[in-house]
Amino acid sequence: MDDLIEIRWHGRGGQGAKTASLLLADAAFNTGKYIQGFPEYGPERMGAPITAYNRISSTPITIHSNIYEPDYVVVVDDTLLETVDVTSGLKETGAIVINTTKSADYLKSVLKGYKGNIYTIDARKISEEALGKYFPNTPMLAAIVKVSGIMTDEALLEDMKGSFKHKFAKKPEVIDGNMRALELALKEVKKV
């Protein structure tokens, strides 16, 4: 499993981190990859910190545990940076992707000396522009795909179009906004 990619998501209940990790798993599966996508359940409630995980590989995955040394970390809510050790076990050859507008100096100070790549995206601005509401998970999904190179931008957009048609069958009016959020995020994620 030399090409195994492990991703850990940090968010708060209700922000869609679990949903985004499952959508990523589905999209990777649809490109022919072997996948795992699962949340870590604790006392789940709206606003409480949550963790979700992905494993993606071109060969069968035989590991069945949480991810302790991820290649990538996605932080959906930057208020977690001061209360959760989001870089715990994070490989310096990977990267962390953070939904934030905070400065590079601030980020470096709260990331406990992490020396790997740091990427940021303003998922609030993107989701409010594209959806009219704050749903950070769709932009964060696109950001981690862009940073990790799990699949091409085109493959993500094509797969998500089908996923959104199924997921939002009773609310088709939100499909275009979610697609726009993906497109904007693919362009706006940037390295610090």
N, C-alpha and C. Protein backbone atom coordinates (compact mmCIF):
# COMPACT_ATOMS: atom_id res chain seq x y z
N MET A 1 0.83 -1.19 0.00
CA MET A 1 0.00 0.00 0.00
C MET A 1 0.87 1.25 0.00
N ASP A 2 1.80 1.30 -0.93
CA ASP A 2 2.70 2.44 -1.01
C ASP A 2 1.97 3.72 -1.33
N ASP A 3 0.83 3.64 -1.99
CA ASP A 3 0.11 4.86 -2.36
C ASP A 3 -1.03 5.18 -1.41
N LEU A 4 -1.05 4.56 -0.25
CA LEU A 4 -2.11 4.81 0.73
C LEU A 4 -2.05 6.26 1.20
N ILE A 5 -3.20 6.93 1.12
CA ILE A 5 -3.33 8.31 1.62
C ILE A 5 -4.30 8.28 2.79
N GLU A 6 -3.87 8.84 3.91
CA GLU A 6 -4.72 8.90 5.10
C GLU A 6 -5.00 10.36 5.44
N ILE A 7 -6.28 10.64 5.68
CA ILE A 7 -6.73 12.01 5.95
C ILE A 7 -7.54 12.02 7.24
N ARG A 8 -7.27 13.01 8.09
CA ARG A 8 -8.05 13.20 9.31
C ARG A 8 -8.75 14.55 9.20
N TRP A 9 -10.04 14.56 9.47
CA TRP A 9 -10.86 15.77 9.44
C TRP A 9 -11.17 16.21 10.86
N HIS A 10 -11.05 17.52 11.13
CA HIS A 10 -11.45 18.11 12.41
C HIS A 10 -12.51 19.16 12.12
N GLY A 11 -13.63 19.07 12.82
CA GLY A 11 -14.68 20.05 12.66
C GLY A 11 -15.53 20.09 13.91
N ARG A 12 -16.67 20.71 13.78
CA ARG A 12 -17.65 20.74 14.87
C ARG A 12 -18.93 20.12 14.35
N GLY A 13 -19.66 19.50 15.26
CA GLY A 13 -20.93 18.87 14.89
C GLY A 13 -21.82 19.86 14.16
N GLY A 14 -22.34 19.45 13.00
CA GLY A 14 -23.23 20.30 12.23
C GLY A 14 -22.55 21.05 11.09
N GLN A 15 -21.21 20.98 11.01
CA GLN A 15 -20.49 21.68 9.94
C GLN A 15 -20.29 20.81 8.70
N GLY A 16 -20.57 19.53 8.81
CA GLY A 16 -20.49 18.66 7.65
C GLY A 16 -19.15 17.96 7.42
N ALA A 17 -18.27 17.92 8.41
CA ALA A 17 -16.98 17.24 8.23
C ALA A 17 -17.20 15.76 7.95
N LYS A 18 -18.10 15.13 8.69
CA LYS A 18 -18.38 13.72 8.45
C LYS A 18 -18.94 13.51 7.05
N THR A 19 -19.88 14.35 6.65
CA THR A 19 -20.47 14.25 5.32
C THR A 19 -19.42 14.43 4.24
N ALA A 20 -18.54 15.42 4.42
CA ALA A 20 -17.49 15.66 3.43
C ALA A 20 -16.55 14.46 3.32
N SER A 21 -16.21 13.85 4.45
CA SER A 21 -15.31 12.68 4.40
C SER A 21 -15.99 11.52 3.67
N LEU A 22 -17.29 11.37 3.85
CA LEU A 22 -18.01 10.29 3.15
C LEU A 22 -18.15 10.61 1.66
N LEU A 23 -18.39 11.87 1.32
CA LEU A 23 -18.45 12.26 -0.09
C LEU A 23 -17.10 12.04 -0.77
N LEU A 24 -16.01 12.35 -0.07
CA LEU A 24 -14.68 12.11 -0.62
C LEU A 24 -14.46 10.62 -0.86
N ALA A 25 -14.88 9.80 0.10
CA ALA A 25 -14.73 8.35 -0.06
C ALA A 25 -15.50 7.87 -1.28
N ASP A 26 -16.73 8.33 -1.44
CA ASP A 26 -17.54 7.93 -2.60
C ASP A 26 -16.89 8.36 -3.91
N ALA A 27 -16.40 9.60 -3.95
CA ALA A 27 -15.79 10.11 -5.18
C ALA A 27 -14.52 9.32 -5.53
N ALA A 28 -13.70 9.04 -4.53
CA ALA A 28 -12.48 8.26 -4.77
C ALA A 28 -12.82 6.84 -5.23
N PHE A 29 -13.84 6.25 -4.62
CA PHE A 29 -14.30 4.91 -5.02
C PHE A 29 -14.72 4.92 -6.49
N ASN A 30 -15.41 5.96 -6.88
CA ASN A 30 -15.89 6.05 -8.26
C ASN A 30 -14.77 6.26 -9.28
N THR A 31 -13.57 6.59 -8.81
CA THR A 31 -12.41 6.68 -9.72
C THR A 31 -11.60 5.38 -9.69
N GLY A 32 -12.15 4.35 -9.03
CA GLY A 32 -11.48 3.05 -9.01
C GLY A 32 -10.59 2.79 -7.81
N LYS A 33 -10.64 3.66 -6.82
CA LYS A 33 -9.80 3.50 -5.63
C LYS A 33 -10.50 2.63 -4.58
N TYR A 34 -9.70 2.08 -3.70
CA TYR A 34 -10.21 1.42 -2.50
C TYR A 34 -10.30 2.51 -1.44
N ILE A 35 -11.34 2.47 -0.65
CA ILE A 35 -11.57 3.60 0.26
C ILE A 35 -12.07 3.16 1.64
N GLN A 36 -11.88 4.03 2.58
CA GLN A 36 -12.55 3.98 3.88
C GLN A 36 -12.91 5.42 4.22
N GLY A 37 -14.08 5.60 4.76
CA GLY A 37 -14.52 6.91 5.24
C GLY A 37 -15.37 6.68 6.47
N PHE A 38 -14.93 7.19 7.61
CA PHE A 38 -15.66 6.91 8.84
C PHE A 38 -15.45 8.01 9.87
N PRO A 39 -16.47 8.25 10.68
CA PRO A 39 -16.34 9.23 11.76
C PRO A 39 -15.90 8.54 13.05
N GLU A 40 -15.41 9.34 13.98
CA GLU A 40 -15.13 8.84 15.32
C GLU A 40 -16.22 9.40 16.21
N TYR A 41 -16.99 8.54 16.77
CA TYR A 41 -18.13 9.01 17.55
C TYR A 41 -17.78 9.17 19.01
N GLY A 42 -18.21 10.26 19.54
CA GLY A 42 -18.10 10.56 20.96
C GLY A 42 -19.45 11.13 21.36
N PRO A 43 -19.46 12.03 22.32
CA PRO A 43 -20.72 12.66 22.70
C PRO A 43 -21.13 13.69 21.65
N GLU A 44 -21.66 13.20 20.53
CA GLU A 44 -21.98 14.08 19.40
C GLU A 44 -23.12 15.03 19.74
N ARG A 45 -22.88 16.29 19.48
CA ARG A 45 -23.92 17.29 19.59
C ARG A 45 -23.50 18.48 18.75
N MET A 46 -24.45 19.27 18.36
CA MET A 46 -24.17 20.43 17.53
C MET A 46 -23.10 21.30 18.19
N GLY A 47 -22.05 21.60 17.45
CA GLY A 47 -20.99 22.46 17.94
C GLY A 47 -19.85 21.76 18.66
N ALA A 48 -20.02 20.48 19.02
CA ALA A 48 -18.95 19.75 19.70
C ALA A 48 -17.88 19.33 18.69
N PRO A 49 -16.62 19.29 19.11
CA PRO A 49 -15.56 18.84 18.20
C PRO A 49 -15.81 17.40 17.73
N ILE A 50 -15.60 17.16 16.45
CA ILE A 50 -15.75 15.82 15.89
C ILE A 50 -14.51 15.52 15.02
N THR A 51 -14.31 14.24 14.79
CA THR A 51 -13.20 13.79 13.94
C THR A 51 -13.75 12.78 12.96
N ALA A 52 -13.28 12.86 11.71
CA ALA A 52 -13.65 11.88 10.70
C ALA A 52 -12.38 11.51 9.94
N TYR A 53 -12.43 10.40 9.25
CA TYR A 53 -11.22 9.87 8.62
C TYR A 53 -11.49 9.36 7.21
N ASN A 54 -10.42 9.37 6.39
CA ASN A 54 -10.43 8.73 5.07
C ASN A 54 -9.14 7.97 4.87
N ARG A 55 -9.26 6.82 4.25
CA ARG A 55 -8.11 6.10 3.70
C ARG A 55 -8.43 5.87 2.23
N ILE A 56 -7.46 6.14 1.37
CA ILE A 56 -7.66 6.00 -0.07
C ILE A 56 -6.41 5.34 -0.65
N SER A 57 -6.62 4.29 -1.46
CA SER A 57 -5.49 3.55 -2.02
C SER A 57 -5.89 2.90 -3.34
N SER A 58 -4.90 2.56 -4.16
CA SER A 58 -5.20 1.83 -5.39
C SER A 58 -5.16 0.31 -5.16
N THR A 59 -4.81 -0.10 -3.94
CA THR A 59 -4.83 -1.52 -3.58
C THR A 59 -5.74 -1.71 -2.37
N PRO A 60 -6.20 -2.94 -2.12
CA PRO A 60 -7.10 -3.16 -0.98
C PRO A 60 -6.49 -2.67 0.34
N ILE A 61 -7.35 -2.11 1.17
CA ILE A 61 -6.93 -1.56 2.46
C ILE A 61 -7.25 -2.59 3.55
N THR A 62 -6.22 -3.00 4.28
CA THR A 62 -6.42 -4.03 5.31
C THR A 62 -6.34 -3.47 6.72
N ILE A 63 -6.12 -2.18 6.85
CA ILE A 63 -6.05 -1.52 8.16
C ILE A 63 -7.46 -1.14 8.59
N HIS A 64 -7.79 -1.43 9.84
CA HIS A 64 -9.13 -1.09 10.35
C HIS A 64 -9.00 -0.43 11.72
N SER A 65 -8.48 0.78 11.73
CA SER A 65 -8.32 1.52 12.97
C SER A 65 -8.46 3.01 12.66
N ASN A 66 -8.44 3.82 13.71
CA ASN A 66 -8.39 5.26 13.50
C ASN A 66 -7.06 5.59 12.83
N ILE A 67 -6.90 6.81 12.41
CA ILE A 67 -5.68 7.25 11.74
C ILE A 67 -4.88 8.08 12.72
N TYR A 68 -3.66 7.60 13.03
CA TYR A 68 -2.83 8.26 14.02
C TYR A 68 -1.69 9.07 13.40
N GLU A 69 -1.32 8.75 12.17
CA GLU A 69 -0.26 9.48 11.47
C GLU A 69 -0.74 9.83 10.07
N PRO A 70 -1.66 10.80 9.99
CA PRO A 70 -2.24 11.14 8.69
C PRO A 70 -1.26 11.83 7.76
N ASP A 71 -1.52 11.68 6.47
CA ASP A 71 -0.78 12.42 5.46
C ASP A 71 -1.31 13.84 5.36
N TYR A 72 -2.62 13.97 5.57
CA TYR A 72 -3.29 15.27 5.46
C TYR A 72 -4.26 15.44 6.62
N VAL A 73 -4.41 16.69 7.04
CA VAL A 73 -5.41 17.05 8.04
C VAL A 73 -6.24 18.19 7.46
N VAL A 74 -7.56 18.09 7.63
CA VAL A 74 -8.48 19.14 7.21
C VAL A 74 -9.10 19.73 8.47
N VAL A 75 -8.99 21.05 8.63
CA VAL A 75 -9.58 21.72 9.79
C VAL A 75 -10.72 22.59 9.26
N VAL A 76 -11.95 22.16 9.55
CA VAL A 76 -13.14 22.84 9.04
C VAL A 76 -13.46 24.09 9.87
N ASP A 77 -13.02 24.13 11.12
CA ASP A 77 -13.32 25.25 12.01
C ASP A 77 -12.03 25.68 12.70
N ASP A 78 -11.54 26.87 12.37
CA ASP A 78 -10.25 27.31 12.91
C ASP A 78 -10.26 27.60 14.41
N THR A 79 -11.44 27.64 15.05
CA THR A 79 -11.46 27.81 16.51
C THR A 79 -10.92 26.56 17.20
N LEU A 80 -10.84 25.45 16.49
CA LEU A 80 -10.29 24.22 17.06
C LEU A 80 -8.77 24.28 17.19
N LEU A 81 -8.13 25.18 16.46
CA LEU A 81 -6.67 25.24 16.46
C LEU A 81 -6.09 25.47 17.84
N GLU A 82 -6.81 26.17 18.70
CA GLU A 82 -6.29 26.46 20.03
C GLU A 82 -6.71 25.44 21.08
N THR A 83 -7.64 24.53 20.73
CA THR A 83 -8.12 23.58 21.73
C THR A 83 -7.85 22.11 21.38
N VAL A 84 -7.60 21.82 20.12
CA VAL A 84 -7.36 20.44 19.67
C VAL A 84 -5.99 20.39 19.01
N ASP A 85 -5.21 19.36 19.31
CA ASP A 85 -3.89 19.20 18.69
C ASP A 85 -4.08 18.63 17.29
N VAL A 86 -4.44 19.51 16.34
CA VAL A 86 -4.77 19.07 14.99
C VAL A 86 -3.57 18.53 14.23
N THR A 87 -2.36 18.87 14.64
CA THR A 87 -1.17 18.37 13.95
C THR A 87 -0.63 17.08 14.56
N SER A 88 -1.28 16.55 15.56
CA SER A 88 -0.82 15.32 16.21
C SER A 88 -0.60 14.22 15.17
N GLY A 89 0.64 13.75 15.07
CA GLY A 89 0.97 12.66 14.16
C GLY A 89 1.03 13.04 12.69
N LEU A 90 0.71 14.29 12.34
CA LEU A 90 0.66 14.71 10.94
C LEU A 90 2.05 14.65 10.31
N LYS A 91 2.17 13.92 9.21
CA LYS A 91 3.45 13.78 8.52
C LYS A 91 3.85 15.11 7.88
N GLU A 92 5.12 15.45 8.00
CA GLU A 92 5.61 16.70 7.41
C GLU A 92 5.67 16.62 5.90
N THR A 93 5.54 15.42 5.33
CA THR A 93 5.53 15.28 3.87
C THR A 93 4.13 15.52 3.31
N GLY A 94 3.15 15.65 4.19
CA GLY A 94 1.78 15.92 3.77
C GLY A 94 1.46 17.39 3.91
N ALA A 95 0.27 17.69 4.41
CA ALA A 95 -0.14 19.09 4.56
C ALA A 95 -1.35 19.18 5.47
N ILE A 96 -1.58 20.40 5.94
CA ILE A 96 -2.80 20.71 6.68
C ILE A 96 -3.55 21.77 5.88
N VAL A 97 -4.87 21.59 5.79
CA VAL A 97 -5.73 22.51 5.05
C VAL A 97 -6.72 23.10 6.06
N ILE A 98 -6.71 24.42 6.19
CA ILE A 98 -7.48 25.08 7.24
C ILE A 98 -8.46 26.09 6.65
N ASN A 99 -9.69 26.02 7.11
CA ASN A 99 -10.71 27.03 6.79
C ASN A 99 -10.46 28.22 7.71
N THR A 100 -9.83 29.24 7.17
CA THR A 100 -9.48 30.38 8.02
C THR A 100 -9.17 31.62 7.18
N THR A 101 -9.23 32.76 7.85
CA THR A 101 -8.74 34.01 7.27
C THR A 101 -7.61 34.56 8.14
N LYS A 102 -7.17 33.77 9.12
CA LYS A 102 -6.12 34.21 10.04
C LYS A 102 -4.77 34.29 9.33
N SER A 103 -3.86 35.06 9.89
CA SER A 103 -2.54 35.29 9.28
C SER A 103 -1.65 34.06 9.36
N ALA A 104 -0.67 34.03 8.48
CA ALA A 104 0.32 32.94 8.47
C ALA A 104 1.05 32.88 9.80
N ASP A 105 1.39 34.03 10.38
CA ASP A 105 2.11 34.06 11.66
C ASP A 105 1.26 33.44 12.77
N TYR A 106 -0.02 33.79 12.80
CA TYR A 106 -0.92 33.21 13.80
C TYR A 106 -0.97 31.69 13.63
N LEU A 107 -1.18 31.24 12.39
CA LEU A 107 -1.30 29.79 12.13
C LEU A 107 -0.04 29.06 12.56
N LYS A 108 1.10 29.58 12.21
CA LYS A 108 2.36 28.92 12.59
C LYS A 108 2.52 28.87 14.11
N SER A 109 2.02 29.89 14.80
CA SER A 109 2.14 29.91 16.27
C SER A 109 1.24 28.88 16.95
N VAL A 110 0.08 28.59 16.38
CA VAL A 110 -0.83 27.64 17.03
C VAL A 110 -0.66 26.21 16.52
N LEU A 111 0.14 26.02 15.48
CA LEU A 111 0.33 24.67 14.94
C LEU A 111 1.52 23.94 15.56
N LYS A 112 1.94 24.39 16.71
CA LYS A 112 2.93 23.69 17.53
C LYS A 112 4.20 23.31 16.77
N GLY A 113 4.69 24.22 15.94
CA GLY A 113 5.94 23.99 15.25
C GLY A 113 5.85 23.06 14.04
N TYR A 114 4.66 22.77 13.56
CA TYR A 114 4.51 21.91 12.39
C TYR A 114 5.29 22.50 11.22
N LYS A 115 6.12 21.68 10.59
CA LYS A 115 7.00 22.18 9.54
C LYS A 115 6.56 21.79 8.12
N GLY A 116 5.46 21.08 8.00
CA GLY A 116 4.96 20.71 6.68
C GLY A 116 4.20 21.84 6.02
N ASN A 117 3.60 21.55 4.90
CA ASN A 117 2.86 22.56 4.14
C ASN A 117 1.54 22.92 4.82
N ILE A 118 1.22 24.20 4.78
CA ILE A 118 -0.02 24.72 5.35
C ILE A 118 -0.78 25.41 4.21
N TYR A 119 -2.05 25.03 4.06
CA TYR A 119 -2.91 25.64 3.05
C TYR A 119 -4.12 26.23 3.74
N THR A 120 -4.62 27.33 3.19
CA THR A 120 -5.82 27.96 3.76
C THR A 120 -6.85 28.20 2.66
N ILE A 121 -8.07 28.32 3.13
CA ILE A 121 -9.18 28.66 2.25
C ILE A 121 -10.24 29.34 3.11
N ASP A 122 -10.91 30.31 2.55
CA ASP A 122 -12.00 30.99 3.26
C ASP A 122 -13.31 30.32 2.84
N ALA A 123 -13.61 29.20 3.49
CA ALA A 123 -14.81 28.42 3.14
C ALA A 123 -16.09 29.18 3.48
N ARG A 124 -16.02 30.08 4.46
CA ARG A 124 -17.21 30.88 4.79
C ARG A 124 -17.57 31.78 3.61
N LYS A 125 -16.60 32.51 3.12
CA LYS A 125 -16.85 33.42 2.00
C LYS A 125 -17.36 32.65 0.78
N ILE A 126 -16.72 31.55 0.48
CA ILE A 126 -17.11 30.76 -0.70
C ILE A 126 -18.53 30.21 -0.55
N SER A 127 -18.83 29.61 0.61
CA SER A 127 -20.16 29.02 0.76
C SER A 127 -21.25 30.09 0.82
N GLU A 128 -20.97 31.21 1.45
CA GLU A 128 -21.98 32.27 1.49
C GLU A 128 -22.21 32.86 0.10
N GLU A 129 -21.13 32.98 -0.69
CA GLU A 129 -21.26 33.49 -2.05
C GLU A 129 -22.02 32.49 -2.94
N ALA A 130 -21.67 31.22 -2.83
CA ALA A 130 -22.24 30.21 -3.73
C ALA A 130 -23.59 29.67 -3.26
N LEU A 131 -23.77 29.58 -1.94
CA LEU A 131 -24.96 28.94 -1.38
C LEU A 131 -25.88 29.89 -0.62
N GLY A 132 -25.38 31.07 -0.28
CA GLY A 132 -26.18 32.01 0.49
C GLY A 132 -26.23 31.68 1.96
N LYS A 133 -25.52 30.63 2.39
CA LYS A 133 -25.46 30.20 3.79
C LYS A 133 -24.08 29.64 4.07
N TYR A 134 -23.79 29.47 5.35
CA TYR A 134 -22.47 28.96 5.75
C TYR A 134 -22.50 27.44 5.86
N PHE A 135 -22.01 26.78 4.84
CA PHE A 135 -21.83 25.33 4.81
C PHE A 135 -20.39 25.08 4.37
N PRO A 136 -19.45 24.98 5.32
CA PRO A 136 -18.03 24.91 4.96
C PRO A 136 -17.58 23.58 4.35
N ASN A 137 -18.38 22.53 4.47
CA ASN A 137 -17.88 21.22 4.06
C ASN A 137 -17.65 21.09 2.56
N THR A 138 -18.48 21.69 1.73
CA THR A 138 -18.28 21.56 0.28
C THR A 138 -16.98 22.22 -0.16
N PRO A 139 -16.69 23.47 0.25
CA PRO A 139 -15.39 24.04 -0.13
C PRO A 139 -14.21 23.25 0.44
N MET A 140 -14.35 22.72 1.65
CA MET A 140 -13.24 21.98 2.25
C MET A 140 -12.99 20.66 1.52
N LEU A 141 -14.04 20.05 1.03
CA LEU A 141 -13.90 18.83 0.22
C LEU A 141 -13.06 19.14 -1.02
N ALA A 142 -13.40 20.20 -1.73
CA ALA A 142 -12.64 20.57 -2.93
C ALA A 142 -11.20 20.92 -2.57
N ALA A 143 -11.00 21.61 -1.45
CA ALA A 143 -9.65 22.03 -1.05
C ALA A 143 -8.74 20.83 -0.81
N ILE A 144 -9.24 19.81 -0.11
CA ILE A 144 -8.37 18.66 0.18
C ILE A 144 -8.11 17.86 -1.09
N VAL A 145 -9.05 17.80 -2.00
CA VAL A 145 -8.80 17.12 -3.28
C VAL A 145 -7.71 17.87 -4.05
N LYS A 146 -7.78 19.18 -4.08
CA LYS A 146 -6.79 19.99 -4.79
C LYS A 146 -5.40 19.80 -4.18
N VAL A 147 -5.31 19.89 -2.86
CA VAL A 147 -4.03 19.82 -2.18
C VAL A 147 -3.42 18.41 -2.26
N SER A 148 -4.24 17.39 -2.09
CA SER A 148 -3.73 16.01 -2.04
C SER A 148 -3.53 15.38 -3.41
N GLY A 149 -4.25 15.88 -4.42
CA GLY A 149 -4.15 15.29 -5.75
C GLY A 149 -4.76 13.90 -5.84
N ILE A 150 -5.70 13.59 -4.95
CA ILE A 150 -6.35 12.28 -4.94
C ILE A 150 -6.99 11.97 -6.29
N MET A 151 -7.53 13.01 -6.91
CA MET A 151 -8.14 12.88 -8.23
C MET A 151 -8.04 14.23 -8.92
N THR A 152 -8.34 14.26 -10.19
CA THR A 152 -8.30 15.53 -10.91
C THR A 152 -9.49 16.40 -10.51
N ASP A 153 -9.37 17.69 -10.75
CA ASP A 153 -10.47 18.61 -10.50
C ASP A 153 -11.69 18.17 -11.30
N GLU A 154 -11.46 17.80 -12.56
CA GLU A 154 -12.55 17.41 -13.45
C GLU A 154 -13.27 16.17 -12.93
N ALA A 155 -12.50 15.17 -12.45
CA ALA A 155 -13.10 13.94 -11.92
C ALA A 155 -13.95 14.25 -10.69
N LEU A 156 -13.45 15.14 -9.82
CA LEU A 156 -14.22 15.53 -8.64
C LEU A 156 -15.53 16.19 -9.05
N LEU A 157 -15.45 17.17 -9.93
CA LEU A 157 -16.65 17.91 -10.33
C LEU A 157 -17.67 16.99 -11.00
N GLU A 158 -17.20 16.10 -11.85
CA GLU A 158 -18.11 15.18 -12.53
C GLU A 158 -18.79 14.24 -11.53
N ASP A 159 -18.00 13.70 -10.61
CA ASP A 159 -18.57 12.78 -9.62
C ASP A 159 -19.54 13.50 -8.69
N MET A 160 -19.17 14.70 -8.25
CA MET A 160 -20.02 15.41 -7.30
C MET A 160 -21.34 15.84 -7.94
N LYS A 161 -21.32 16.12 -9.24
CA LYS A 161 -22.57 16.46 -9.92
C LYS A 161 -23.58 15.33 -9.75
N GLY A 162 -23.12 14.09 -9.96
CA GLY A 162 -24.00 12.93 -9.77
C GLY A 162 -24.39 12.72 -8.32
N SER A 163 -23.41 12.88 -7.41
CA SER A 163 -23.69 12.70 -5.98
C SER A 163 -24.71 13.73 -5.49
N PHE A 164 -24.53 14.98 -5.90
CA PHE A 164 -25.46 16.03 -5.46
C PHE A 164 -26.86 15.80 -6.02
N LYS A 165 -26.98 15.32 -7.25
CA LYS A 165 -28.30 15.04 -7.82
C LYS A 165 -29.03 14.00 -6.98
N HIS A 166 -28.27 13.01 -6.50
CA HIS A 166 -28.87 11.97 -5.66
C HIS A 166 -29.14 12.51 -4.25
N LYS A 167 -28.12 13.15 -3.64
CA LYS A 167 -28.24 13.64 -2.26
C LYS A 167 -29.32 14.70 -2.12
N PHE A 168 -29.43 15.57 -3.12
CA PHE A 168 -30.38 16.67 -3.05
C PHE A 168 -31.55 16.48 -3.99
N ALA A 169 -31.99 15.25 -4.17
CA ALA A 169 -33.10 14.95 -5.09
C ALA A 169 -34.36 15.75 -4.72
N LYS A 170 -34.56 15.98 -3.42
CA LYS A 170 -35.76 16.72 -2.98
C LYS A 170 -35.51 18.22 -2.86
N LYS A 171 -34.24 18.63 -3.06
CA LYS A 171 -33.90 20.05 -3.02
C LYS A 171 -32.97 20.38 -4.19
N PRO A 172 -33.41 20.16 -5.41
CA PRO A 172 -32.51 20.36 -6.57
C PRO A 172 -32.00 21.79 -6.71
N GLU A 173 -32.66 22.73 -6.06
CA GLU A 173 -32.23 24.12 -6.17
C GLU A 173 -30.86 24.37 -5.53
N VAL A 174 -30.38 23.46 -4.68
CA VAL A 174 -29.08 23.67 -4.03
C VAL A 174 -27.92 23.03 -4.80
N ILE A 175 -28.21 22.28 -5.84
CA ILE A 175 -27.16 21.58 -6.59
C ILE A 175 -26.21 22.58 -7.26
N ASP A 176 -26.75 23.56 -7.98
CA ASP A 176 -25.89 24.52 -8.68
C ASP A 176 -24.98 25.28 -7.71
N GLY A 177 -25.52 25.66 -6.56
CA GLY A 177 -24.73 26.38 -5.56
C GLY A 177 -23.58 25.53 -5.02
N ASN A 178 -23.86 24.27 -4.76
CA ASN A 178 -22.81 23.38 -4.27
C ASN A 178 -21.74 23.15 -5.34
N MET A 179 -22.16 23.04 -6.59
CA MET A 179 -21.18 22.89 -7.67
C MET A 179 -20.33 24.15 -7.78
N ARG A 180 -20.95 25.30 -7.64
CA ARG A 180 -20.21 26.57 -7.70
C ARG A 180 -19.23 26.66 -6.53
N ALA A 181 -19.63 26.20 -5.35
CA ALA A 181 -18.74 26.21 -4.18
C ALA A 181 -17.51 25.34 -4.43
N LEU A 182 -17.71 24.18 -5.05
CA LEU A 182 -16.57 23.32 -5.39
C LEU A 182 -15.62 24.01 -6.36
N GLU A 183 -16.19 24.60 -7.40
CA GLU A 183 -15.38 25.27 -8.43
C GLU A 183 -14.57 26.42 -7.84
N LEU A 184 -15.21 27.24 -7.01
CA LEU A 184 -14.51 28.36 -6.39
C LEU A 184 -13.39 27.87 -5.46
N ALA A 185 -13.68 26.84 -4.67
CA ALA A 185 -12.70 26.33 -3.72
C ALA A 185 -11.48 25.77 -4.43
N LEU A 186 -11.69 25.08 -5.54
CA LEU A 186 -10.56 24.53 -6.30
C LEU A 186 -9.61 25.64 -6.73
N LYS A 187 -10.13 26.83 -6.98
CA LYS A 187 -9.31 27.96 -7.42
C LYS A 187 -8.72 28.76 -6.26
N GLU A 188 -9.41 28.76 -5.11
CA GLU A 188 -9.03 29.69 -4.05
C GLU A 188 -8.19 29.11 -2.92
N VAL A 189 -8.03 27.79 -2.85
CA VAL A 189 -7.16 27.24 -1.80
C VAL A 189 -5.73 27.68 -2.11
N LYS A 190 -5.02 28.14 -1.06
CA LYS A 190 -3.68 28.65 -1.30
C LYS A 190 -2.71 28.21 -0.23
N LYS A 191 -1.46 28.09 -0.63
CA LYS A 191 -0.40 27.70 0.28
C LYS A 191 0.07 28.92 1.07
N VAL A 192 0.30 28.73 2.37
CA VAL A 192 0.76 29.81 3.24
C VAL A 192 2.28 29.92 3.14
